[in-house]
């Protein structure tokens, strides 16, 4: 096997976690043509290594491996699948420091956030290790004389998983653990910008005793690697996290093979703060909702609406809290790290310039920081009009847009006036209002007086153009199953 360059920047206790070849059928594979993809540290712009860039034929070979492994893995006792998943979970926690450092180098997020992501992602593996032992066979009252009726859930087969750069570990474990617990085998494609986290998980999966061909990670250009999977009838399910635009493309490409699709797509989350809310809590939680992962989060607060009587007070407190946020290299564990790429920074600049042109007030920030070309200052825009692009497009960065509102009906209509429907944040202490507004908001998830709501036991997902299906909870595993109806006559 040929060698590929790796930087000495990977200061980890276990160097074998830093892998730069694809993992197919239990083997580490370079591209036959020797092609590679460079990976850089967004904080410094320095190259940290390169990974194999596989061809379409090599990508299809991963499906071969998964298809061949499927019958044995699906037939394995659920308890045996659970043992291997449980061991994978344990290894992730044992190596969480190294896994977090790998993530910071390729993704840029603050070190404490990276550690939190490793623990969050591992929790899905632990959860599905338990769910694997509870295959659902449901008895149904028969509608026919002398007949016995059952519904079985069976694994769909090979599942393709396409994961993003903003959560390079957790998005893979959330999908893979559910699919593998159901009895599926997988082919996974990590983002070209953050492949090392996925490859480290493959190394740990091998150590955990996951059989060859069950968990395959294929690195390379998305169009080259993924398109063969969308056209392959052996790939029976496809799970994708990323932009709505790419989700639409994958939807079209998968149509001819009628796959099961699970898609977690874009978000445009509103934060609604009513008078009577605890302002200290509302400000602190909105800071979290806006600036976690440097704003690069589909759950990120994109529009902040505050009822007029408390608007000025909220803005003053929010700006003070934003100014207190630290900016720096993720390894130094600041509040805000670099953005992922130049395109992301340009979007911040465009949204800020557009909002100011249309009458918004720049309360703080509003430009790149001297720390480096991918660092953008935490920014607050006040009095943002509805006509500003930031009130209609996902910003995916550290720019907060705040606007006042007058009535409950008005703000519900504004919040719902979007093609997205992932999450909404609501702050109020009026139980009747909380109930009314929570029911009226057209979003898959509503967080009331808090920011963190996700986790392994809950179904994560949105409505409208924010996606299809759910991840997490028992529903997340059921996405990778088919229902078989059996009607028996014992005579």
Protein backbone atom coordinates (compact mmCIF):
# COMPACT_ATOMS: atom_id res chain seq x y z
CA UNK A 1 0.00 0.00 0.00
CA UNK A 2 1.37 3.41 -0.98
CA UNK A 3 1.88 6.21 1.51
CA UNK A 4 0.08 9.54 1.77
CA UNK A 5 1.45 12.61 3.49
CA UNK A 6 0.34 13.44 7.02
CA UNK A 7 1.24 16.52 9.03
CA UNK A 8 2.94 16.36 12.41
CA UNK A 9 0.07 18.56 13.66
CA UNK A 10 -1.82 15.44 14.77
CA UNK A 11 -0.63 15.44 18.37
CA UNK A 12 -2.54 12.37 19.54
CA UNK A 13 -1.73 9.63 22.02
CA UNK A 14 -2.75 6.90 19.57
CA UNK A 15 -1.29 7.67 16.11
CA UNK A 16 -3.18 4.73 14.55
CA UNK A 17 -6.36 6.78 14.85
CA UNK A 18 -5.06 9.10 12.15
CA UNK A 19 -5.91 7.26 8.96
CA UNK A 20 -5.81 8.61 5.42
CA UNK A 21 -6.94 5.61 3.35
CA UNK A 22 -10.51 4.56 2.73
CA UNK A 23 -11.78 1.61 4.76
CA UNK A 24 -13.48 -1.04 2.60
CA UNK A 25 -14.20 -4.65 3.50
CA UNK A 26 -11.95 -4.48 6.54
CA UNK A 27 -8.96 -3.11 4.60
CA UNK A 28 -7.36 0.32 4.25
CA UNK A 29 -7.42 1.27 0.58
CA UNK A 30 -5.59 3.92 -1.43
CA UNK A 31 -6.97 5.06 -4.77
CA UNK A 32 -5.69 2.82 -7.56
CA UNK A 33 -4.73 5.89 -9.57
CA UNK A 34 -2.93 7.46 -6.60
CA UNK A 35 -5.23 10.50 -6.43
CA UNK A 36 -5.60 12.30 -3.12
CA UNK A 37 -7.53 15.21 -1.60
CA UNK A 38 -5.72 17.77 0.61
CA UNK A 39 -7.15 18.66 4.03
CA UNK A 40 -6.32 21.95 5.74
CA UNK A 41 -6.64 23.41 9.22
CA UNK A 42 -9.18 26.27 8.88
CA UNK A 43 -7.54 28.15 11.76
CA UNK A 44 -4.12 28.35 10.14
CA UNK A 45 -4.68 27.47 6.50
CA UNK A 46 -1.91 24.89 6.79
CA UNK A 47 -2.19 21.47 5.18
CA UNK A 48 -2.63 18.76 7.80
CA UNK A 49 -2.66 15.86 5.37
CA UNK A 50 -4.40 14.29 2.43
CA UNK A 51 -6.75 11.37 1.99
CA UNK A 52 -7.34 8.90 -0.81
CA UNK A 53 -9.66 10.08 -3.59
CA UNK A 54 -11.38 6.93 -4.81
CA UNK A 55 -12.93 6.38 -8.22
CA UNK A 56 -16.54 5.50 -9.00
CA UNK A 57 -15.50 1.87 -9.55
CA UNK A 58 -13.81 1.75 -6.16
CA UNK A 59 -16.86 3.35 -4.57
CA UNK A 60 -19.02 0.60 -6.09
CA UNK A 61 -16.60 -1.97 -4.67
CA UNK A 62 -17.58 -0.72 -1.22
CA UNK A 63 -21.19 -1.57 -2.06
CA UNK A 64 -20.02 -5.03 -3.12
CA UNK A 65 -18.43 -5.48 0.29
CA UNK A 66 -21.50 -4.23 2.15
CA UNK A 67 -23.83 -6.38 0.09
CA UNK A 68 -21.75 -9.49 0.69
CA UNK A 69 -21.58 -8.81 4.42
CA UNK A 70 -25.29 -8.06 4.79
CA UNK A 71 -26.79 -11.57 5.07
CA UNK A 72 -24.44 -12.63 7.85
CA UNK A 73 -24.75 -9.35 9.78
CA UNK A 74 -28.54 -9.29 9.46
CA UNK A 75 -28.79 -12.91 10.61
CA UNK A 76 -26.57 -12.32 13.63
CA UNK A 77 -28.38 -12.49 16.94
CA UNK A 78 -29.38 -8.95 17.95
CA UNK A 79 -27.49 -9.45 21.19
CA UNK A 80 -24.29 -10.06 19.21
CA UNK A 81 -24.74 -6.91 17.15
CA UNK A 82 -25.38 -5.08 20.40
CA UNK A 83 -22.11 -6.32 21.94
CA UNK A 84 -20.08 -4.98 19.04
CA UNK A 85 -21.86 -1.65 19.04
CA UNK A 86 -21.40 -1.39 22.79
CA UNK A 87 -17.68 -1.98 22.41
CA UNK A 88 -17.53 0.67 19.67
CA UNK A 89 -19.18 3.12 22.07
CA UNK A 90 -16.70 2.30 24.84
CA UNK A 91 -13.73 2.81 22.53
CA UNK A 92 -15.02 6.19 21.41
CA UNK A 93 -15.15 7.36 25.01
CA UNK A 94 -11.75 5.87 25.78
CA UNK A 95 -10.23 7.84 22.89
CA UNK A 96 -12.38 10.97 23.11
CA UNK A 97 -9.40 13.27 23.73
CA UNK A 98 -7.65 12.11 20.56
CA UNK A 99 -10.88 12.12 18.56
CA UNK A 100 -11.59 15.68 19.66
CA UNK A 101 -8.12 16.87 18.69
CA UNK A 102 -8.45 15.30 15.26
CA UNK A 103 -11.78 17.07 14.83
CA UNK A 104 -10.45 20.48 15.87
CA UNK A 105 -7.58 20.25 13.41
CA UNK A 106 -9.79 19.54 10.42
CA UNK A 107 -12.97 21.38 11.42
CA UNK A 108 -11.79 24.27 13.60
CA UNK A 109 -14.43 24.18 16.34
CA UNK A 110 -13.40 24.93 19.96
CA UNK A 111 -11.85 21.96 21.75
CA UNK A 112 -14.55 21.73 24.42
CA UNK A 113 -17.24 21.64 21.72
CA UNK A 114 -15.33 18.89 19.93
CA UNK A 115 -15.16 16.84 23.12
CA UNK A 116 -18.86 17.41 23.62
CA UNK A 117 -19.54 16.19 20.11
CA UNK A 118 -17.59 12.97 20.69
CA UNK A 119 -19.65 12.26 23.80
CA UNK A 120 -22.88 13.23 22.04
CA UNK A 121 -22.10 11.03 19.03
CA UNK A 122 -21.05 8.10 21.18
CA UNK A 123 -24.34 8.32 23.07
CA UNK A 124 -26.17 7.30 19.88
CA UNK A 125 -24.01 4.20 19.62
CA UNK A 126 -24.79 3.30 23.22
CA UNK A 127 -28.51 3.92 22.67
CA UNK A 128 -28.72 1.80 19.53
CA UNK A 129 -26.66 -0.95 21.10
CA UNK A 130 -29.58 -1.32 23.48
CA UNK A 131 -32.25 -0.90 20.79
CA UNK A 132 -30.59 -3.62 18.71
CA UNK A 133 -31.76 -6.13 21.30
CA UNK A 134 -35.41 -5.14 20.90
CA UNK A 135 -36.49 -6.04 17.36
CA UNK A 136 -40.14 -5.18 17.04
CA UNK A 137 -42.51 -8.03 16.17
CA UNK A 138 -46.04 -6.78 16.56
CA UNK A 139 -49.09 -8.97 16.88
CA UNK A 140 -52.22 -7.71 15.15
CA UNK A 141 -55.78 -8.82 15.79
CA UNK A 142 -56.69 -10.88 12.76
CA UNK A 143 -59.52 -9.83 10.47
CA UNK A 144 -59.71 -13.36 9.02
CA UNK A 145 -61.02 -16.54 10.66
CA UNK A 146 -58.38 -19.09 11.69
CA UNK A 147 -55.55 -16.74 10.66
CA UNK A 148 -52.69 -15.43 12.76
CA UNK A 149 -51.26 -12.02 11.82
CA UNK A 150 -47.85 -10.54 12.60
CA UNK A 151 -45.83 -7.51 11.49
CA UNK A 152 -42.06 -7.94 11.35
CA UNK A 153 -39.44 -5.24 10.97
CA UNK A 154 -36.50 -6.34 8.83
CA UNK A 155 -33.34 -4.46 7.78
CA UNK A 156 -33.56 -2.85 4.35
CA UNK A 157 -30.07 -3.94 3.28
CA UNK A 158 -27.15 -1.70 2.33
CA UNK A 159 -27.48 1.90 3.53
CA UNK A 160 -25.50 4.84 2.13
CA UNK A 161 -24.63 7.58 4.62
CA UNK A 162 -23.43 11.03 3.52
CA UNK A 163 -22.22 13.25 6.35
CA UNK A 164 -21.32 16.96 6.64
CA UNK A 165 -18.27 18.86 7.84
CA UNK A 166 -19.86 20.73 10.76
CA UNK A 167 -20.40 17.60 12.90
CA UNK A 168 -18.03 15.08 11.31
CA UNK A 169 -18.24 12.51 14.10
CA UNK A 170 -21.75 12.74 15.55
CA UNK A 171 -23.57 12.77 12.22
CA UNK A 172 -21.85 9.52 11.26
CA UNK A 173 -22.43 7.72 14.55
CA UNK A 174 -26.07 8.83 14.69
CA UNK A 175 -26.74 7.32 11.28
CA UNK A 176 -24.41 4.32 11.36
CA UNK A 177 -25.39 3.05 14.80
CA UNK A 178 -29.10 3.11 13.90
CA UNK A 179 -28.54 1.33 10.60
CA UNK A 180 -26.18 -1.29 12.02
CA UNK A 181 -28.45 -1.96 15.01
CA UNK A 182 -31.28 -2.65 12.57
CA UNK A 183 -29.09 -5.20 10.79
CA UNK A 184 -28.02 -3.08 7.82
CA UNK A 185 -24.51 -2.76 6.45
CA UNK A 186 -23.28 0.66 5.39
CA UNK A 187 -21.17 2.63 2.97
CA UNK A 188 -20.32 6.08 4.31
CA UNK A 189 -18.95 9.17 2.61
CA UNK A 190 -17.57 11.91 4.89
CA UNK A 191 -17.10 15.50 3.77
CA UNK A 192 -13.86 16.07 1.85
CA UNK A 193 -13.09 18.88 4.31
CA UNK A 194 -13.32 16.69 7.43
CA UNK A 195 -12.56 13.05 6.53
CA UNK A 196 -10.19 12.18 9.37
CA UNK A 197 -12.91 11.96 12.04
CA UNK A 198 -14.80 9.33 10.05
CA UNK A 199 -11.65 7.33 9.36
CA UNK A 200 -10.78 7.35 13.07
CA UNK A 201 -14.24 5.91 13.76
CA UNK A 202 -13.55 3.19 11.20
CA UNK A 203 -10.34 2.27 13.03
CA UNK A 204 -12.28 1.98 16.28
CA UNK A 205 -15.06 -0.02 14.61
CA UNK A 206 -12.47 -2.56 13.49
CA UNK A 207 -11.09 -2.79 17.03
CA UNK A 208 -14.65 -3.23 18.33
CA UNK A 209 -15.08 -6.36 16.23
CA UNK A 210 -17.40 -4.95 13.59
CA UNK A 211 -16.99 -7.54 10.79
CA UNK A 212 -15.39 -6.69 7.48
CA UNK A 213 -17.82 -5.16 5.01
CA UNK A 214 -20.32 -3.97 7.63
CA UNK A 215 -18.88 -0.47 8.11
CA UNK A 216 -17.18 1.01 5.05
CA UNK A 217 -15.84 4.57 4.74
CA UNK A 218 -15.13 5.86 1.24
CA UNK A 219 -13.21 9.11 0.77
CA UNK A 220 -13.20 11.06 -2.48
CA UNK A 221 -15.07 13.68 -4.45
CA UNK A 222 -18.81 13.61 -3.65
CA UNK A 223 -20.00 13.42 -7.26
CA UNK A 224 -17.61 10.55 -7.95
CA UNK A 225 -18.28 8.54 -4.80
CA UNK A 226 -21.96 9.17 -4.10
CA UNK A 227 -23.61 9.19 -7.51
CA UNK A 228 -22.91 5.46 -8.11
CA UNK A 229 -24.65 4.74 -4.82
CA UNK A 230 -27.78 6.66 -5.84
CA UNK A 231 -27.98 4.59 -9.03
CA UNK A 232 -27.23 1.22 -7.42
CA UNK A 233 -30.33 -0.87 -6.70
CA UNK A 234 -28.43 -2.72 -3.97
CA UNK A 235 -28.30 0.47 -1.91
CA UNK A 236 -31.77 0.41 -0.40
CA UNK A 237 -31.56 3.44 1.90
CA UNK A 238 -29.75 6.75 1.76
CA UNK A 239 -29.28 9.08 4.71
CA UNK A 240 -27.91 12.58 4.15
CA UNK A 241 -27.21 15.58 6.34
CA UNK A 242 -26.41 18.81 4.54
CA UNK A 243 -27.92 21.64 2.53
CA UNK A 244 -31.42 21.55 1.10
CA UNK A 245 -29.95 22.21 -2.34
CA UNK A 246 -27.82 19.06 -2.23
CA UNK A 247 -30.69 17.15 -0.66
CA UNK A 248 -32.87 17.95 -3.66
CA UNK A 249 -30.12 16.70 -5.97
CA UNK A 250 -29.79 13.40 -4.09
CA UNK A 251 -33.57 13.05 -4.06
CA UNK A 252 -33.66 13.33 -7.86
CA UNK A 253 -30.70 11.01 -8.35
CA UNK A 254 -32.25 8.35 -6.11
CA UNK A 255 -35.67 8.45 -7.74
CA UNK A 256 -34.94 5.80 -10.35
CA UNK A 257 -34.03 3.22 -7.70
CA UNK A 258 -36.83 4.12 -5.23
CA UNK A 259 -34.70 4.23 -2.10
CA UNK A 260 -35.76 4.94 1.43
CA UNK A 261 -34.51 8.47 2.14
CA UNK A 262 -33.65 10.12 5.44
CA UNK A 263 -32.63 13.74 4.99
CA UNK A 264 -31.68 16.31 7.59
CA UNK A 265 -31.40 19.49 5.55
CA UNK A 266 -31.21 23.24 6.05
CA UNK A 267 -32.62 25.27 8.91
CA UNK A 268 -33.69 28.87 9.44
CA UNK A 269 -34.48 28.83 13.14
CA UNK A 270 -36.43 31.68 14.71
CA UNK A 271 -35.97 32.70 18.33
CA UNK A 272 -39.11 34.31 19.77
CA UNK A 273 -38.81 36.18 23.07
CA UNK A 274 -42.06 37.38 24.64
CA UNK A 275 -42.36 40.00 27.35
CA UNK A 276 -42.48 38.33 30.73
CA UNK A 277 -39.71 35.89 29.78
CA UNK A 278 -36.65 35.70 32.01
CA UNK A 279 -34.34 38.03 30.08
CA UNK A 280 -31.16 36.65 31.64
CA UNK A 281 -32.12 33.15 30.52
CA UNK A 282 -33.37 34.34 27.13
CA UNK A 283 -30.11 36.18 26.37
CA UNK A 284 -27.86 33.36 27.60
CA UNK A 285 -29.77 30.68 25.72
CA UNK A 286 -29.97 32.74 22.52
CA UNK A 287 -26.20 33.28 22.64
CA UNK A 288 -25.84 29.48 22.73
CA UNK A 289 -28.38 29.00 19.95
CA UNK A 290 -26.63 31.54 17.72
CA UNK A 291 -22.92 31.02 18.29
CA UNK A 292 -22.41 27.30 18.99
CA UNK A 293 -20.09 25.75 16.38
CA UNK A 294 -19.25 29.34 15.40
CA UNK A 295 -22.80 29.61 14.05
CA UNK A 296 -22.22 26.73 11.62
CA UNK A 297 -25.15 24.64 12.79
CA UNK A 298 -28.44 23.78 11.12
CA UNK A 299 -30.04 24.36 14.54
CA UNK A 300 -28.42 27.80 14.78
CA UNK A 301 -30.65 30.77 15.57
CA UNK A 302 -30.96 32.70 12.32
CA UNK A 303 -33.71 35.19 13.18
CA UNK A 304 -34.16 36.65 16.67
CA UNK A 305 -37.53 38.27 17.31
CA UNK A 306 -38.16 40.16 20.57
CA UNK A 307 -41.45 41.65 21.72
CA UNK A 308 -41.35 45.44 21.54
CA UNK A 309 -41.63 46.30 25.29
CA UNK A 310 -38.41 44.37 26.09
CA UNK A 311 -36.65 44.82 22.76
CA UNK A 312 -34.17 47.55 23.73
CA UNK A 313 -33.21 45.84 26.99
CA UNK A 314 -32.68 42.50 25.22
CA UNK A 315 -30.51 44.11 22.53
CA UNK A 316 -28.25 45.83 25.06
CA UNK A 317 -27.72 42.61 27.02
CA UNK A 318 -27.28 40.49 23.90
CA UNK A 319 -24.66 42.85 22.44
CA UNK A 320 -22.74 42.88 25.72
CA UNK A 321 -22.75 39.07 25.82
CA UNK A 322 -21.64 38.87 22.19
CA UNK A 323 -18.76 41.29 22.75
CA UNK A 324 -17.57 39.08 25.61
CA UNK A 325 -17.17 36.04 23.34
CA UNK A 326 -13.57 35.05 22.62
CA UNK A 327 -12.30 34.30 19.14
CA UNK A 328 -9.36 31.98 18.46
CA UNK A 329 -7.80 28.73 17.36
CA UNK A 330 -9.98 25.80 18.39
CA UNK A 331 -7.06 24.16 20.22
CA UNK A 332 -7.03 27.14 22.62
CA UNK A 333 -10.72 26.47 23.37
CA UNK A 334 -12.22 29.89 22.61
CA UNK A 335 -15.94 30.59 22.28
CA UNK A 336 -15.71 31.08 18.52
CA UNK A 337 -13.36 29.36 16.08
CA UNK A 338 -12.73 29.91 12.37
CA UNK A 339 -15.33 29.31 9.70
CA UNK A 340 -14.87 26.30 7.48
CA UNK A 341 -13.93 27.97 4.21
CA UNK A 342 -13.78 31.20 2.24
CA UNK A 343 -17.28 30.73 0.85
CA UNK A 344 -18.67 30.70 4.40
CA UNK A 345 -16.93 33.96 5.27
CA UNK A 346 -18.13 35.62 2.09
CA UNK A 347 -21.72 34.72 2.99
CA UNK A 348 -21.37 36.56 6.32
CA UNK A 349 -20.03 39.60 4.51
CA UNK A 350 -22.84 39.52 1.97
CA UNK A 351 -25.57 39.18 4.59
CA UNK A 352 -24.17 41.98 6.73
CA UNK A 353 -23.73 44.36 3.79
CA UNK A 354 -27.24 43.60 2.51
CA UNK A 355 -28.84 44.16 5.93
CA UNK A 356 -27.04 47.46 6.47
CA UNK A 357 -28.04 48.67 3.02
CA UNK A 358 -31.67 47.95 3.93
CA UNK A 359 -31.57 49.85 7.21
CA UNK A 360 -30.26 47.48 9.87
CA UNK A 361 -27.96 48.79 12.60
CA UNK A 362 -24.53 47.24 13.17
CA UNK A 363 -24.30 46.83 16.94
CA UNK A 364 -20.95 45.01 17.04
CA UNK A 365 -18.55 43.05 14.88
CA UNK A 366 -19.25 43.07 11.18
CA UNK A 367 -15.90 42.16 9.64
CA UNK A 368 -13.15 39.59 9.36
CA UNK A 369 -10.82 39.36 12.30
CA UNK A 370 -7.07 39.90 12.20
CA UNK A 371 -6.55 36.35 13.49
CA UNK A 372 -6.82 34.97 9.97
CA UNK A 373 -8.80 34.97 6.73
CA UNK A 374 -11.44 32.49 7.98
CA UNK A 375 -12.12 34.25 11.28
CA UNK A 376 -15.24 36.42 11.30
CA UNK A 377 -16.08 38.53 14.32
CA UNK A 378 -19.21 37.68 16.32
CA UNK A 379 -21.69 40.15 14.90
CA UNK A 380 -25.02 41.62 15.96
CA UNK A 381 -27.40 43.39 13.60
CA UNK A 382 -30.36 45.20 15.20
CA UNK A 383 -33.58 46.53 13.67
CA UNK A 384 -33.18 44.11 10.77
CA UNK A 385 -36.02 44.54 8.26
CA UNK A 386 -37.96 41.61 6.83
CA UNK A 387 -36.57 42.43 3.39
CA UNK A 388 -32.98 41.62 4.40
CA UNK A 389 -31.55 38.42 2.94
CA UNK A 390 -30.49 37.20 6.38
CA UNK A 391 -34.17 37.01 7.38
CA UNK A 392 -34.84 34.55 4.55
CA UNK A 393 -31.58 32.63 4.02
CA UNK A 394 -29.58 30.39 6.32
CA UNK A 395 -26.49 32.36 7.41
CA UNK A 396 -24.44 29.50 8.85
CA UNK A 397 -22.06 31.79 10.67
CA UNK A 398 -21.64 34.11 13.69
CA UNK A 399 -24.00 36.88 12.57
CA UNK A 400 -27.10 37.50 14.71
CA UNK A 401 -30.08 39.36 13.27
CA UNK A 402 -32.55 40.91 15.75
CA UNK A 403 -35.92 42.53 15.05
CA UNK A 404 -38.88 43.63 17.18
CA UNK A 405 -42.45 42.35 16.95
CA UNK A 406 -45.79 43.57 18.27
CA UNK A 407 -48.28 40.69 18.49
CA UNK A 408 -48.39 36.92 18.86
CA UNK A 409 -50.22 36.39 15.59
CA UNK A 410 -47.72 38.58 13.76
CA UNK A 411 -44.67 36.71 15.02
CA UNK A 412 -46.10 33.25 14.42
CA UNK A 413 -46.78 34.23 10.81
CA UNK A 414 -43.24 35.62 10.41
CA UNK A 415 -41.64 32.58 12.01
CA UNK A 416 -43.54 30.24 9.70
CA UNK A 417 -42.85 32.30 6.58
CA UNK A 418 -39.96 30.12 5.40
CA UNK A 419 -39.42 27.00 3.35
CA UNK A 420 -37.54 25.51 6.33
CA UNK A 421 -39.01 23.85 9.39
CA UNK A 422 -36.30 22.31 11.54
CA UNK A 423 -36.33 23.98 14.97
CA UNK A 424 -37.81 27.04 16.65
CA UNK A 425 -36.87 28.58 20.01
CA UNK A 426 -39.50 30.11 22.25
CA UNK A 427 -39.09 32.11 25.49
CA UNK A 428 -42.14 32.78 27.67
CA UNK A 429 -43.49 31.99 31.13
CA UNK A 430 -47.14 32.05 30.08
CA UNK A 431 -48.23 28.39 29.88
CA UNK A 432 -51.19 29.12 27.61
CA UNK A 433 -49.00 31.10 25.22
CA UNK A 434 -46.34 28.39 25.25
CA UNK A 435 -48.98 25.84 24.27
CA UNK A 436 -50.59 28.00 21.57
CA UNK A 437 -47.35 29.07 19.94
CA UNK A 438 -45.72 25.64 20.16
CA UNK A 439 -48.72 24.16 18.35
CA UNK A 440 -48.80 26.95 15.75
CA UNK A 441 -45.10 26.86 14.83
CA UNK A 442 -44.51 24.77 11.70
CA UNK A 443 -41.27 23.17 12.83
CA UNK A 444 -40.25 19.62 13.66
CA UNK A 445 -38.81 20.65 17.03
CA UNK A 446 -39.64 23.45 19.45
CA UNK A 447 -37.34 24.40 22.33
CA UNK A 448 -39.02 26.31 25.17
CA UNK A 449 -36.88 28.45 27.48
CA UNK A 450 -33.79 26.46 26.56
CA UNK A 451 -31.47 25.68 23.65
CA UNK A 452 -30.27 22.10 23.97
CA UNK A 453 -33.02 19.65 23.09
CA UNK A 454 -31.32 17.00 20.98
CA UNK A 455 -30.00 13.63 22.10
CA UNK A 456 -30.15 9.92 21.38
CA UNK A 457 -33.62 9.23 22.86
CA UNK A 458 -35.47 11.90 20.83
CA UNK A 459 -36.50 11.95 17.14
CA UNK A 460 -34.44 14.64 15.40
CA UNK A 461 -35.79 16.13 12.19
CA UNK A 462 -37.79 18.83 10.50
CA UNK A 463 -40.74 19.60 8.28
CA UNK A 464 -41.11 21.22 4.86
CA UNK A 465 -37.74 21.67 3.09
CA UNK A 466 -35.78 20.81 6.23
CA UNK A 467 -35.87 17.12 5.56
CA UNK A 468 -37.48 13.70 5.55
CA UNK A 469 -37.70 11.14 8.31
CA UNK A 470 -36.17 11.24 11.76
CA UNK A 471 -32.82 10.40 13.36
CA UNK A 472 -32.43 9.31 16.95
CA UNK A 473 -34.93 7.47 19.14
CA UNK A 474 -36.52 4.21 18.02
CA UNK A 475 -37.79 6.00 14.93
CA UNK A 476 -34.20 6.50 13.80
CA UNK A 477 -33.63 2.75 13.67
CA UNK A 478 -36.98 2.10 12.02
CA UNK A 479 -35.93 4.32 9.10
CA UNK A 480 -33.55 1.50 8.13
CA UNK A 481 -36.18 -1.24 8.26
CA UNK A 482 -39.05 -2.50 6.14
CA UNK A 483 -42.32 -3.92 7.48
CA UNK A 484 -43.18 -7.46 6.51
CA UNK A 485 -46.75 -8.61 7.05
CA UNK A 486 -47.16 -12.34 7.72
CA UNK A 487 -50.59 -13.99 7.72
CA UNK A 488 -50.57 -17.67 8.84
CA UNK A 489 -53.08 -20.42 8.77
CA UNK A 490 -51.95 -23.40 10.85
CA UNK A 491 -54.45 -25.84 9.29
